[in-house]
Amino acid sequence: MKLSLLYRCIVTDKNGKIVRRTRWRKSRSFVLQFLKFIEHEWTHAYDTDLLSTSLQNISNAAVSLNNGTGASAAIRRFCIFAPVNTSAYGIVVGTGTTPPTNSDYALATIIAHGVGAGQLNYGASSYTGAAVVGSNVDFILTRTFYNGSGANITVNEIGIYAESMSTAGVAEAFCVIRDVITAVAVANTQTLTVQYTLRTTV
């Protein structure tokens, strides 16, 4: 059995015409927090108050995930499905070029949400539910980024921030994937679409 992650970038103009579309590329950039989330979910019972797992949030601060008991355990989550107008979590993009490492806790230089200089308007996440596709099982996560800044913006890194609740009852973001990519230029009024496919193969 094999677990793999793929990504691609698509740039469209203001009329929706595709200007550039990269091929699907292999991501090799699951970082420590990804397995920490799995560790937490696999080793903490729903109705037992066990020790919480500590992760580094996107500010590089150690945060303990909420374990909870009973109904409160429902706020333990690994949320990557982000709404419109937020760069706090979900698929995120940046301008940094520092090579990825296992211990990355954030993008090197995230592009903020907005329409000001150097900003992109973050769209809502969408996804294609896990399903058998040929000899694989695929789950596809997609997000769009509109450039209304008035100038070109070059995207050099992409990734996924997951949101989860801390033991302090605060929603925290954690970087679980970070990829440095071949530079993608997004002109003013163009839209960048980033897709990640999580794939299992028997």
Protein backbone atom coordinates (compact mmCIF):
# COMPACT_ATOMS: atom_id res chain seq x y z
CA MET A 1 0.00 0.00 0.00
CA LYS A 2 1.30 3.47 -0.86
CA LEU A 3 0.31 6.93 0.39
CA SER A 4 1.23 9.83 -1.88
CA LEU A 5 0.49 13.52 -2.27
CA LEU A 6 0.30 15.41 -5.56
CA TYR A 7 -0.21 19.08 -6.39
CA ARG A 8 -0.76 21.30 -9.38
CA CYS A 9 -1.32 25.00 -10.11
CA ILE A 10 -3.68 26.54 -12.66
CA VAL A 11 -3.73 30.23 -13.65
CA THR A 12 -6.78 31.68 -15.40
CA ASP A 13 -7.49 35.15 -16.75
CA LYS A 14 -10.44 37.35 -15.79
CA ASN A 15 -12.61 35.53 -18.33
CA GLY A 16 -11.79 32.11 -16.93
CA LYS A 17 -9.46 31.14 -19.79
CA ILE A 18 -6.54 28.96 -18.70
CA VAL A 19 -3.24 30.83 -19.05
CA ARG A 20 -1.04 28.19 -17.46
CA ARG A 21 -1.55 24.75 -15.99
CA THR A 22 1.26 22.75 -14.44
CA ARG A 23 1.34 18.98 -14.53
CA TRP A 24 0.59 17.06 -11.35
CA ARG A 25 3.80 16.95 -9.31
CA LYS A 26 4.73 14.81 -6.35
CA SER A 27 4.77 16.54 -3.00
CA ARG A 28 7.50 15.31 -0.68
CA SER A 29 6.78 17.79 2.03
CA PHE A 30 4.62 16.33 4.77
CA VAL A 31 6.13 17.93 7.86
CA LEU A 32 6.29 16.84 11.49
CA GLN A 33 2.90 18.25 12.46
CA PHE A 34 1.13 15.96 9.97
CA LEU A 35 2.20 12.81 11.81
CA LYS A 36 1.68 14.52 15.16
CA PHE A 37 -2.00 14.92 14.27
CA ILE A 38 -2.20 11.23 13.35
CA GLU A 39 -0.39 10.33 16.57
CA HIS A 40 -2.94 12.34 18.53
CA GLU A 41 -5.97 10.77 16.85
CA TRP A 42 -4.64 7.23 17.04
CA THR A 43 -3.51 7.31 20.66
CA HIS A 44 -6.26 9.32 22.41
CA ALA A 45 -9.57 7.69 23.20
CA TYR A 46 -12.79 9.66 22.72
CA ASP A 47 -13.97 9.23 26.28
CA THR A 48 -10.66 9.04 28.14
CA ASP A 49 -8.73 12.07 29.30
CA LEU A 50 -5.25 11.05 28.17
CA LEU A 51 -2.20 13.27 27.82
CA SER A 52 -2.46 15.79 25.00
CA THR A 53 -0.11 15.88 22.01
CA SER A 54 2.10 18.96 21.66
CA LEU A 55 2.64 20.56 18.23
CA GLN A 56 4.38 23.71 17.00
CA ASN A 57 1.84 26.21 15.69
CA ILE A 58 2.54 28.57 12.78
CA SER A 59 4.15 31.02 15.22
CA ASN A 60 6.55 28.25 16.34
CA ALA A 61 4.96 28.06 19.79
CA ALA A 62 4.34 24.68 21.42
CA VAL A 63 0.60 24.05 21.71
CA SER A 64 -1.17 21.08 23.27
CA LEU A 65 -4.14 19.75 21.32
CA ASN A 66 -7.43 19.43 23.13
CA ASN A 67 -8.24 15.84 23.98
CA GLY A 68 -11.52 16.47 25.76
CA THR A 69 -13.98 14.00 27.16
CA GLY A 70 -17.56 13.28 26.21
CA ALA A 71 -19.20 16.01 24.14
CA SER A 72 -16.18 18.34 24.43
CA ALA A 73 -14.12 15.92 22.37
CA ALA A 74 -16.06 17.08 19.32
CA ILE A 75 -13.84 20.16 19.14
CA ARG A 76 -10.80 18.01 18.48
CA ARG A 77 -10.45 18.41 14.73
CA PHE A 78 -8.07 18.50 11.81
CA CYS A 79 -9.72 21.16 9.69
CA ILE A 80 -8.24 22.05 6.30
CA PHE A 81 -11.52 23.04 4.64
CA ALA A 82 -11.30 26.82 4.98
CA PRO A 83 -13.99 29.41 4.20
CA VAL A 84 -13.58 32.39 1.89
CA ASN A 85 -11.53 35.44 2.94
CA THR A 86 -9.09 33.81 5.36
CA SER A 87 -5.44 32.84 5.12
CA ALA A 88 -5.51 31.45 8.67
CA TYR A 89 -5.85 27.84 7.51
CA GLY A 90 -6.59 25.66 4.50
CA ILE A 91 -4.42 25.73 1.39
CA VAL A 92 -2.07 28.70 1.66
CA VAL A 93 0.46 30.27 -0.70
CA GLY A 94 3.63 32.29 -0.27
CA THR A 95 6.67 33.88 -1.84
CA GLY A 96 9.42 32.13 0.14
CA THR A 97 12.04 29.94 -1.53
CA THR A 98 13.71 28.34 1.50
CA PRO A 99 13.92 24.57 0.86
CA PRO A 100 11.43 22.51 2.92
CA THR A 101 12.56 20.63 6.03
CA ASN A 102 10.87 18.08 8.28
CA SER A 103 10.60 20.65 11.06
CA ASP A 104 8.95 23.47 9.07
CA TYR A 105 6.17 25.03 11.13
CA ALA A 106 4.93 27.63 8.60
CA LEU A 107 5.46 28.92 5.08
CA ALA A 108 8.62 30.99 4.80
CA THR A 109 6.68 34.09 3.62
CA ILE A 110 2.92 33.67 3.43
CA ILE A 111 0.90 35.89 1.08
CA ALA A 112 -1.79 37.57 3.15
CA HIS A 113 -5.45 37.64 2.19
CA GLY A 114 -6.61 40.93 0.67
CA VAL A 115 -6.48 43.17 -2.39
CA GLY A 116 -3.60 45.39 -1.27
CA ALA A 117 -0.04 45.35 -2.56
CA GLY A 118 1.42 41.86 -2.46
CA GLN A 119 -1.87 40.28 -1.37
CA LEU A 120 -4.19 37.67 -2.90
CA ASN A 121 -7.90 37.24 -2.24
CA TYR A 122 -8.31 33.79 -0.71
CA GLY A 123 -11.35 31.91 -2.01
CA ALA A 124 -13.25 29.18 -0.23
CA SER A 125 -11.97 25.62 -0.19
CA SER A 126 -13.72 22.90 -2.15
CA TYR A 127 -13.08 19.21 -2.35
CA THR A 128 -13.82 16.01 -4.20
CA GLY A 129 -14.65 13.33 -1.67
CA ALA A 130 -12.50 10.24 -1.38
CA ALA A 131 -13.36 7.80 -4.16
CA VAL A 132 -11.85 4.99 -6.19
CA VAL A 133 -10.25 6.40 -9.35
CA GLY A 134 -8.80 3.64 -11.49
CA SER A 135 -6.34 1.76 -9.32
CA ASN A 136 -6.17 4.54 -6.71
CA VAL A 137 -8.29 6.18 -4.05
CA ASP A 138 -8.12 9.98 -4.37
CA PHE A 139 -9.18 12.88 -2.18
CA ILE A 140 -8.75 16.28 -3.88
CA LEU A 141 -8.68 19.63 -2.10
CA THR A 142 -8.90 22.85 -4.15
CA ARG A 143 -8.61 26.57 -3.39
CA THR A 144 -8.57 29.71 -5.55
CA PHE A 145 -6.58 32.93 -5.10
CA TYR A 146 -7.59 36.09 -6.98
CA ASN A 147 -5.06 38.82 -7.68
CA GLY A 148 -6.69 42.21 -7.26
CA SER A 149 -3.54 43.91 -6.01
CA GLY A 150 -2.84 45.90 -9.18
CA ALA A 151 0.50 44.19 -9.84
CA ASN A 152 2.01 40.80 -10.63
CA ILE A 153 2.57 38.39 -7.74
CA THR A 154 4.91 35.39 -7.95
CA VAL A 155 4.03 32.33 -5.90
CA ASN A 156 7.02 30.19 -4.90
CA GLU A 157 5.60 28.04 -2.12
CA ILE A 158 2.31 26.37 -1.28
CA GLY A 159 1.10 24.33 1.64
CA ILE A 160 -1.71 23.40 3.96
CA TYR A 161 -2.43 24.82 7.41
CA ALA A 162 -4.73 22.70 9.58
CA GLU A 163 -6.84 24.27 12.31
CA SER A 164 -7.43 22.52 15.60
CA MET A 165 -8.43 23.42 19.14
CA SER A 166 -5.85 23.74 21.90
CA THR A 167 -6.26 22.69 25.51
CA ALA A 168 -6.74 26.41 26.22
CA GLY A 169 -9.88 26.37 24.06
CA VAL A 170 -8.25 28.48 21.33
CA ALA A 171 -8.35 27.66 17.60
CA GLU A 172 -4.74 27.25 16.45
CA ALA A 173 -3.20 26.73 13.01
CA PHE A 174 -0.51 24.16 12.25
CA CYS A 175 1.47 23.66 9.06
CA VAL A 176 1.16 20.05 7.89
CA ILE A 177 2.44 20.40 4.31
CA ARG A 178 4.87 22.84 2.70
CA ASP A 179 6.13 22.68 -0.89
CA VAL A 180 8.53 24.99 -2.70
CA ILE A 181 7.43 25.01 -6.33
CA THR A 182 8.58 26.27 -9.69
CA ALA A 183 7.64 29.96 -9.63
CA VAL A 184 4.10 30.72 -10.79
CA ALA A 185 3.41 34.30 -11.88
CA VAL A 186 -0.11 35.58 -11.26
CA ALA A 187 -0.86 38.82 -13.07
CA ASN A 188 -3.32 41.41 -11.83
CA THR A 189 -6.96 40.21 -12.35
CA GLN A 190 -5.80 36.61 -12.81
CA THR A 191 -6.79 33.73 -10.53
CA LEU A 192 -4.51 31.01 -9.24
CA THR A 193 -6.05 27.64 -8.40
CA VAL A 194 -4.04 25.24 -6.23
CA GLN A 195 -5.05 21.60 -5.97
CA TYR A 196 -3.71 18.87 -3.69
CA THR A 197 -4.55 15.19 -4.22
CA LEU A 198 -4.04 12.79 -1.34
CA ARG A 199 -3.81 9.31 -2.87
CA THR A 200 -3.67 5.78 -1.59
CA THR A 201 -2.81 2.85 -3.79
CA VAL A 202 -3.21 -0.81 -2.83
